Amino acid sequence: MNILNKIILIAVLVLSGQSHANSELTLKLPTAVTSGEQGNIYVQSLLTEAFASLDIGIQFQFHDVAMNSARMAQSLRDNEHIDIAWLSAEHAKDPSLLAIEVAVYNNIHGNRLLLIRDGQQSEFDGITDLSQLAGLTGLQARNWSDYQVLTKNGLQINGSLSYPAMFKALRDGLADYFPRSVMTIQAEYKKQPVGLAIEQKLLLRYPNQFYFYVSPERPELAAMLAQGLTNLQQSGRFEQLFNHHYAERVKGLNLATRRVLELAN
């Protein structure tokens, strides 16, 4: 029996054999090393409403030391410091973790748009496949997961620059484009508007879902979370929560009309 089937079986047993009315649960969550922020408001809302659909109230505690994804995964394996993490789908292959395979970011996390030099849109207008894009130079940090995806798909990527230096290199004509998440590109552009623009025709897409993960020693928690997320999906509340937190971030990007270049991952 695979892990997903085990979770489903446990969910049936847990939800049929227990009453959660007016229950309270404290969840220990990680602090992200990239931002140092305690909490992701969207994720907290998703968790709160998922458990609320089971009549379980939630309180959050945050680990006081920031964690990268590897540390989060190890903490779950060891069943210490945190109860839940949201990590990329590649961790679902790890048999030492329990994955709840519901896309946390509603299937758009692997969508990338391009920051380009202002006035260079015409260089991208005629691009219809990756081989044409490969004739240009992109930017991405070598230790970011996107770097591996982009280079494996034959794109020419400079991975040697720091994040701030990438914007300067783009302005100075040392590179042609900088792929960014559809959920962050407008905010990044607003901070670095001089000499840059958001490319208007292309969308790079690759499988890059984020799932919730729990310790293999907490199958009952995985079962409850799986059922709660299913409840939100079936009621339409999952979509509402995502749109509430992210619709404004992608507004005006014309995602539906862009030319999609699929990347293998």
Protein backbone atom coordinates (compact mmCIF):
# COMPACT_ATOMS: atom_id res chain seq x y z
CA MET A 1 0.00 0.00 0.00
CA ASN A 2 1.54 3.34 -1.01
CA ILE A 3 1.73 6.38 1.27
CA LEU A 4 -1.21 8.18 -0.33
CA ASN A 5 -3.47 5.16 0.09
CA LYS A 6 -2.37 4.84 3.68
CA ILE A 7 -3.29 8.47 4.31
CA ILE A 8 -6.70 7.96 2.74
CA LEU A 9 -7.31 4.84 4.84
CA ILE A 10 -6.22 6.58 8.01
CA ALA A 11 -8.39 9.57 7.12
CA VAL A 12 -11.44 7.34 6.89
CA LEU A 13 -10.64 5.76 10.23
CA VAL A 14 -9.82 9.03 11.94
CA LEU A 15 -12.79 10.95 10.63
CA SER A 16 -15.29 8.14 11.17
CA GLY A 17 -14.04 7.14 14.58
CA GLN A 18 -13.51 10.51 16.23
CA SER A 19 -15.48 13.65 16.86
CA HIS A 20 -13.45 16.85 16.51
CA ALA A 21 -16.18 19.24 17.61
CA ASN A 22 -14.66 22.19 19.45
CA SER A 23 -11.18 20.59 19.35
CA GLU A 24 -8.09 22.78 19.54
CA LEU A 25 -4.75 22.02 17.90
CA THR A 26 -1.41 23.82 18.06
CA LEU A 27 0.68 23.56 14.90
CA LYS A 28 4.39 24.30 14.89
CA LEU A 29 5.44 25.97 11.63
CA PRO A 30 8.85 26.88 10.19
CA THR A 31 10.33 30.33 9.76
CA ALA A 32 11.64 30.75 6.21
CA VAL A 33 15.35 31.40 5.84
CA THR A 34 14.80 33.56 2.73
CA SER A 35 12.62 36.14 4.43
CA GLY A 36 13.06 35.49 8.14
CA GLU A 37 9.34 36.10 8.44
CA GLN A 38 7.26 34.11 10.85
CA GLY A 39 4.31 33.04 8.82
CA ASN A 40 2.85 33.00 5.37
CA ILE A 41 -0.58 34.60 5.68
CA TYR A 42 -2.06 32.65 2.79
CA VAL A 43 -0.76 29.32 4.12
CA GLN A 44 -2.00 30.12 7.61
CA SER A 45 -5.44 30.97 6.22
CA LEU A 46 -5.48 27.72 4.25
CA LEU A 47 -4.53 25.65 7.28
CA THR A 48 -6.95 27.48 9.57
CA GLU A 49 -9.91 26.92 7.26
CA ALA A 50 -8.94 23.35 6.38
CA PHE A 51 -9.02 22.35 10.04
CA ALA A 52 -12.05 24.53 10.73
CA SER A 53 -13.94 22.41 8.18
CA LEU A 54 -13.34 19.53 10.62
CA ASP A 55 -14.43 21.65 13.61
CA ILE A 56 -10.84 21.97 14.82
CA GLY A 57 -9.47 25.30 15.98
CA ILE A 58 -5.83 26.13 15.22
CA GLN A 59 -3.12 28.00 17.07
CA PHE A 60 0.28 28.56 15.42
CA GLN A 61 3.74 28.47 16.94
CA PHE A 62 6.85 29.31 14.90
CA HIS A 63 10.26 27.77 15.25
CA ASP A 64 12.65 30.48 16.39
CA VAL A 65 15.45 29.48 13.99
CA ALA A 66 14.98 30.09 10.28
CA MET A 67 15.06 26.95 8.13
CA ASN A 68 15.82 26.21 4.50
CA SER A 69 13.88 23.47 2.73
CA ALA A 70 16.44 20.74 3.54
CA ARG A 71 16.29 21.58 7.24
CA MET A 72 12.49 21.59 7.17
CA ALA A 73 12.42 18.14 5.58
CA GLN A 74 14.91 16.77 8.11
CA SER A 75 12.94 18.21 11.02
CA LEU A 76 9.83 16.44 9.77
CA ARG A 77 11.71 13.16 9.40
CA ASP A 78 12.93 13.54 12.98
CA ASN A 79 9.48 14.68 14.15
CA GLU A 80 10.95 17.69 15.92
CA HIS A 81 10.68 21.50 15.85
CA ILE A 82 7.84 21.67 13.28
CA ASP A 83 4.63 19.77 12.47
CA ILE A 84 3.98 20.90 8.89
CA ALA A 85 6.05 22.33 6.04
CA TRP A 86 5.16 23.38 2.51
CA LEU A 87 7.86 22.26 0.10
CA SER A 88 8.34 21.58 -3.60
CA ALA A 89 6.84 18.47 -5.17
CA GLU A 90 10.23 16.78 -5.48
CA HIS A 91 10.02 15.97 -1.76
CA ALA A 92 6.95 13.83 -2.46
CA LYS A 93 9.36 11.20 -3.81
CA ASP A 94 10.89 10.92 -0.34
CA PRO A 95 9.39 7.87 1.39
CA SER A 96 10.36 9.29 4.79
CA LEU A 97 7.84 12.15 4.46
CA LEU A 98 4.05 12.15 4.21
CA ALA A 99 2.94 14.41 1.36
CA ILE A 100 -0.57 15.79 0.99
CA GLU A 101 -0.60 16.16 -2.78
CA VAL A 102 -2.84 19.18 -3.12
CA ALA A 103 -1.16 22.10 -4.93
CA VAL A 104 -0.80 24.79 -2.26
CA TYR A 105 -0.44 27.55 -4.84
CA ASN A 106 -3.23 26.35 -7.10
CA ASN A 107 -1.07 25.17 -10.01
CA ILE A 108 0.59 28.49 -10.92
CA HIS A 109 3.80 28.24 -8.90
CA GLY A 110 5.75 26.93 -11.90
CA ASN A 111 4.78 29.84 -14.15
CA ARG A 112 7.57 32.30 -14.98
CA LEU A 113 7.52 35.64 -16.79
CA LEU A 114 10.56 37.55 -17.96
CA LEU A 115 12.00 40.83 -16.79
CA ILE A 116 13.75 42.43 -19.76
CA ARG A 117 15.48 45.67 -20.65
CA ASP A 118 13.06 48.48 -21.44
CA GLY A 119 12.70 48.90 -25.20
CA GLN A 120 13.73 45.32 -26.05
CA GLN A 121 10.25 43.77 -26.42
CA SER A 122 10.74 43.34 -30.19
CA GLU A 123 13.53 40.81 -29.52
CA PHE A 124 10.95 38.52 -27.88
CA ASP A 125 7.92 39.07 -30.10
CA GLY A 126 8.92 36.42 -32.63
CA ILE A 127 9.98 33.73 -30.16
CA THR A 128 7.81 30.62 -30.45
CA ASP A 129 9.98 27.88 -28.92
CA LEU A 130 12.80 27.28 -26.47
CA SER A 131 15.45 26.94 -29.17
CA GLN A 132 14.91 30.59 -30.09
CA LEU A 133 15.03 31.72 -26.48
CA ALA A 134 18.27 29.74 -26.10
CA GLY A 135 19.95 32.28 -28.37
CA LEU A 136 19.58 34.88 -25.62
CA THR A 137 21.20 35.01 -22.18
CA GLY A 138 19.12 34.64 -19.05
CA LEU A 139 19.87 35.28 -15.39
CA GLN A 140 19.33 33.06 -12.36
CA ALA A 141 21.37 32.22 -9.27
CA ARG A 142 23.19 28.93 -9.63
CA ASN A 143 21.89 27.67 -6.27
CA TRP A 144 18.22 28.36 -7.11
CA SER A 145 16.11 25.42 -8.27
CA ASP A 146 15.07 27.32 -11.43
CA TYR A 147 18.68 27.39 -12.60
CA GLN A 148 18.79 23.62 -12.98
CA VAL A 149 15.46 23.55 -14.79
CA LEU A 150 16.41 26.31 -17.22
CA THR A 151 19.84 24.92 -18.09
CA LYS A 152 18.56 21.34 -18.47
CA ASN A 153 16.15 22.69 -21.06
CA GLY A 154 19.03 24.07 -23.11
CA LEU A 155 18.79 27.73 -22.11
CA GLN A 156 21.88 29.86 -21.75
CA ILE A 157 21.87 31.10 -18.14
CA ASN A 158 24.40 33.23 -16.25
CA GLY A 159 24.27 31.90 -12.68
CA SER A 160 27.23 33.75 -11.18
CA LEU A 161 25.62 37.02 -10.06
CA SER A 162 23.99 38.06 -6.81
CA TYR A 163 20.30 38.94 -6.83
CA PRO A 164 20.84 42.75 -6.85
CA ALA A 165 23.56 42.43 -9.49
CA MET A 166 21.17 40.64 -11.85
CA PHE A 167 19.03 43.76 -12.24
CA LYS A 168 22.11 45.88 -13.00
CA ALA A 169 23.38 43.31 -15.53
CA LEU A 170 20.02 43.37 -17.27
CA ARG A 171 20.01 47.17 -17.49
CA ASP A 172 23.60 47.24 -18.71
CA GLY A 173 22.90 44.79 -21.54
CA LEU A 174 25.02 41.98 -20.08
CA ALA A 175 21.99 39.68 -20.18
CA ASP A 176 18.66 39.65 -22.00
CA TYR A 177 16.08 38.35 -19.54
CA PHE A 178 15.49 37.37 -15.90
CA PRO A 179 12.72 34.77 -15.30
CA ARG A 180 10.59 35.56 -12.25
CA SER A 181 7.54 34.00 -10.62
CA VAL A 182 4.19 35.33 -11.81
CA MET A 183 3.35 35.86 -8.13
CA THR A 184 6.30 38.18 -7.48
CA ILE A 185 7.32 39.80 -10.78
CA GLN A 186 5.13 42.89 -10.47
CA ALA A 187 6.35 43.62 -6.94
CA GLU A 188 9.96 43.15 -8.05
CA TYR A 189 9.46 45.37 -11.08
CA LYS A 190 7.99 48.15 -8.95
CA LYS A 191 11.13 48.11 -6.81
CA GLN A 192 13.43 48.16 -9.88
CA PRO A 193 11.47 50.02 -12.59
CA VAL A 194 14.19 52.16 -14.16
CA GLY A 195 15.41 50.69 -17.43
CA LEU A 196 13.41 47.47 -17.09
CA ALA A 197 10.07 46.10 -18.34
CA ILE A 198 7.92 43.00 -18.00
CA GLU A 199 8.01 41.03 -21.27
CA GLN A 200 4.51 40.91 -22.75
CA LYS A 201 4.21 37.76 -24.92
CA LEU A 202 5.84 34.73 -23.27
CA LEU A 203 5.19 32.48 -20.29
CA LEU A 204 7.64 29.77 -19.20
CA ARG A 205 5.98 26.87 -17.43
CA TYR A 206 7.32 23.82 -15.67
CA PRO A 207 5.91 21.39 -13.06
CA ASN A 208 6.75 23.00 -9.73
CA GLN A 209 3.96 22.40 -7.26
CA PHE A 210 4.25 22.97 -3.55
CA TYR A 211 2.61 20.46 -1.20
CA PHE A 212 2.15 20.24 2.53
CA TYR A 213 4.30 17.63 4.28
CA VAL A 214 4.17 16.10 7.75
CA SER A 215 6.27 13.63 9.69
CA PRO A 216 5.73 9.93 8.99
CA GLU A 217 5.14 9.65 12.73
CA ARG A 218 2.06 11.88 12.41
CA PRO A 219 -0.23 10.03 9.98
CA GLU A 220 -3.31 11.24 11.83
CA LEU A 221 -2.26 14.86 11.18
CA ALA A 222 -1.72 14.09 7.48
CA ALA A 223 -5.16 12.45 7.36
CA MET A 224 -6.92 15.42 8.90
CA LEU A 225 -5.11 17.93 6.70
CA ALA A 226 -5.85 15.89 3.55
CA GLN A 227 -9.54 15.79 4.41
CA GLY A 228 -9.66 19.47 5.33
CA LEU A 229 -8.05 20.56 2.05
CA THR A 230 -10.42 18.29 0.12
CA ASN A 231 -13.34 19.95 1.90
CA LEU A 232 -12.06 23.40 0.85
CA GLN A 233 -11.64 22.30 -2.76
CA GLN A 234 -15.11 20.80 -2.94
CA SER A 235 -16.74 23.87 -1.43
CA GLY A 236 -14.86 26.30 -3.69
CA ARG A 237 -13.28 27.97 -0.68
CA PHE A 238 -9.75 26.93 -1.71
CA GLU A 239 -10.07 28.93 -4.93
CA GLN A 240 -11.54 31.88 -3.05
CA LEU A 241 -8.67 31.98 -0.58
CA PHE A 242 -6.06 31.78 -3.33
CA ASN A 243 -7.72 34.55 -5.32
CA HIS A 244 -8.05 36.73 -2.22
CA HIS A 245 -4.32 36.56 -1.57
CA TYR A 246 -2.90 36.38 -5.11
CA ALA A 247 -5.38 37.65 -7.72
CA GLU A 248 -4.03 41.20 -7.44
CA ARG A 249 -0.47 39.96 -7.92
CA VAL A 250 -1.24 38.49 -11.35
CA LYS A 251 -3.77 41.11 -12.43
CA GLY A 252 -2.83 42.71 -15.73
CA LEU A 253 -0.27 40.05 -16.67
CA ASN A 254 -2.55 38.51 -19.32
CA LEU A 255 -1.53 34.96 -18.42
CA ALA A 256 -4.31 33.35 -20.45
CA THR A 257 -3.23 34.94 -23.74
CA ARG A 258 0.52 34.45 -23.52
CA ARG A 259 2.56 32.05 -25.66
CA VAL A 260 3.48 29.17 -23.33
CA LEU A 261 6.93 27.57 -23.54
CA GLU A 262 6.86 24.27 -21.63
CA LEU A 263 9.95 23.25 -19.68
CA ALA A 264 10.71 19.72 -18.54
CA ASN A 265 11.57 19.29 -14.86
